[in-house]
């Protein structure tokens, strides 16, 4: 299985540790960049391995949307901050004009 990852150029390692008690067939641990397979049967492990590779590659596609959403959030936060600062900066002048008008 590791040979497949190498041939595909994926920066992952694979560990097959059959575990009947695990509720998952497999998972990818991001921190260690490891695919963990828990199926007992080798044929099932290969199917899970394939699934995890496809899921890993799909994540790269869906990450684009997360990055886009985060960029939009950052842009709106900058805009909101700018408008808040403009508002706060306008308070003294607003108060001054109101006070002057009251005194007239």
Protein backbone atom coordinates (compact mmCIF):
# COMPACT_ATOMS: atom_id res chain seq x y z
CA UNK A 1 0.00 0.00 0.00
CA UNK A 2 2.84 2.38 0.79
CA UNK A 3 4.15 1.75 -2.72
CA UNK A 4 0.83 3.00 -4.12
CA UNK A 5 1.10 6.22 -2.11
CA UNK A 6 4.66 6.73 -3.36
CA UNK A 7 3.63 6.12 -6.98
CA UNK A 8 0.76 8.58 -6.59
CA UNK A 9 3.11 11.17 -5.09
CA UNK A 10 1.02 11.52 -1.94
CA UNK A 11 2.82 12.66 1.22
CA UNK A 12 1.13 10.03 3.35
CA UNK A 13 2.05 6.84 5.13
CA UNK A 14 -0.27 3.91 5.67
CA UNK A 15 -0.70 1.69 8.70
CA UNK A 16 -2.89 -1.38 8.61
CA UNK A 17 -3.79 -2.51 12.10
CA UNK A 18 -6.84 -4.76 11.98
CA UNK A 19 -9.15 -3.88 14.84
CA UNK A 20 -12.57 -5.48 14.96
CA UNK A 21 -13.61 -3.23 17.85
CA UNK A 22 -12.99 0.00 15.91
CA UNK A 23 -16.22 1.49 14.55
CA UNK A 24 -14.33 3.03 11.60
CA UNK A 25 -12.91 1.20 8.61
CA UNK A 26 -10.15 3.76 8.32
CA UNK A 27 -9.21 7.38 8.82
CA UNK A 28 -6.57 9.91 7.91
CA UNK A 29 -4.77 11.55 10.79
CA UNK A 30 -3.79 15.00 9.55
CA UNK A 31 -1.09 15.65 12.16
CA UNK A 32 0.96 12.60 11.22
CA UNK A 33 -0.24 12.41 7.59
CA UNK A 34 -1.07 8.75 8.14
CA UNK A 35 -3.86 6.60 6.76
CA UNK A 36 -4.97 4.15 9.43
CA UNK A 37 -6.82 1.06 8.24
CA UNK A 38 -8.78 -1.11 10.68
CA UNK A 39 -10.43 -3.72 8.44
CA UNK A 40 -9.54 -7.32 9.24
CA UNK A 41 -9.86 -8.68 5.70
CA UNK A 42 -7.15 -7.59 3.27
CA UNK A 43 -9.65 -7.07 0.43
CA UNK A 44 -11.71 -4.77 2.68
CA UNK A 45 -8.57 -2.93 3.75
CA UNK A 46 -7.74 -2.24 0.10
CA UNK A 47 -11.23 -0.85 -0.49
CA UNK A 48 -10.90 1.36 2.57
CA UNK A 49 -7.42 2.41 1.44
CA UNK A 50 -8.86 3.46 -1.93
CA UNK A 51 -11.66 5.35 -0.20
CA UNK A 52 -9.22 7.22 2.05
CA UNK A 53 -7.00 8.20 -0.89
CA UNK A 54 -10.00 9.58 -2.78
CA UNK A 55 -11.21 11.40 0.31
CA UNK A 56 -7.74 12.92 0.79
CA UNK A 57 -7.70 14.17 -2.79
CA UNK A 58 -11.26 15.49 -2.54
CA UNK A 59 -10.29 17.48 0.54
CA UNK A 60 -7.92 19.52 -1.64
CA UNK A 61 -10.90 20.50 -3.78
CA UNK A 62 -13.17 21.37 -0.87
CA UNK A 63 -10.39 23.34 0.85
CA UNK A 64 -10.75 25.92 -1.94
CA UNK A 65 -14.25 26.74 -0.72
CA UNK A 66 -13.11 27.02 2.90
CA UNK A 67 -10.28 29.35 1.87
CA UNK A 68 -12.69 31.44 -0.20
CA UNK A 69 -15.15 31.71 2.69
CA UNK A 70 -12.36 32.68 5.09
CA UNK A 71 -11.15 35.35 2.65
CA UNK A 72 -14.66 36.80 2.42
CA UNK A 73 -14.98 36.83 6.19
CA UNK A 74 -11.64 38.65 6.50
CA UNK A 75 -12.69 41.21 3.89
CA UNK A 76 -15.99 41.91 5.67
CA UNK A 77 -14.21 42.16 9.02
CA UNK A 78 -11.84 44.78 7.56
CA UNK A 79 -14.78 46.70 6.10
CA UNK A 80 -16.71 46.56 9.38
CA UNK A 81 -13.63 47.71 11.31
CA UNK A 82 -13.08 50.62 8.89
CA UNK A 83 -16.71 51.74 9.21
CA UNK A 84 -16.62 51.43 13.00
CA UNK A 85 -13.47 53.59 13.14
CA UNK A 86 -15.07 56.17 10.85
CA UNK A 87 -18.11 56.26 13.11
CA UNK A 88 -16.00 56.65 16.26
CA UNK A 89 -13.93 59.38 14.60
CA UNK A 90 -17.12 61.27 13.70
CA UNK A 91 -18.49 61.36 17.25
CA UNK A 92 -16.54 64.39 18.52
CA UNK A 93 -17.50 66.51 15.48
CA UNK A 94 -21.13 65.38 15.73
CA UNK A 95 -21.30 66.22 19.43
CA UNK A 96 -19.57 69.57 18.82
CA UNK A 97 -22.03 70.60 16.11
CA UNK A 98 -25.01 69.55 18.22
CA UNK A 99 -23.72 71.48 21.25
CA UNK A 100 -23.05 74.57 19.13
CA UNK A 101 -26.57 74.42 17.70
CA UNK A 102 -28.08 74.07 21.17
CA UNK A 103 -26.23 77.17 22.37
CA UNK A 104 -27.39 79.33 19.48
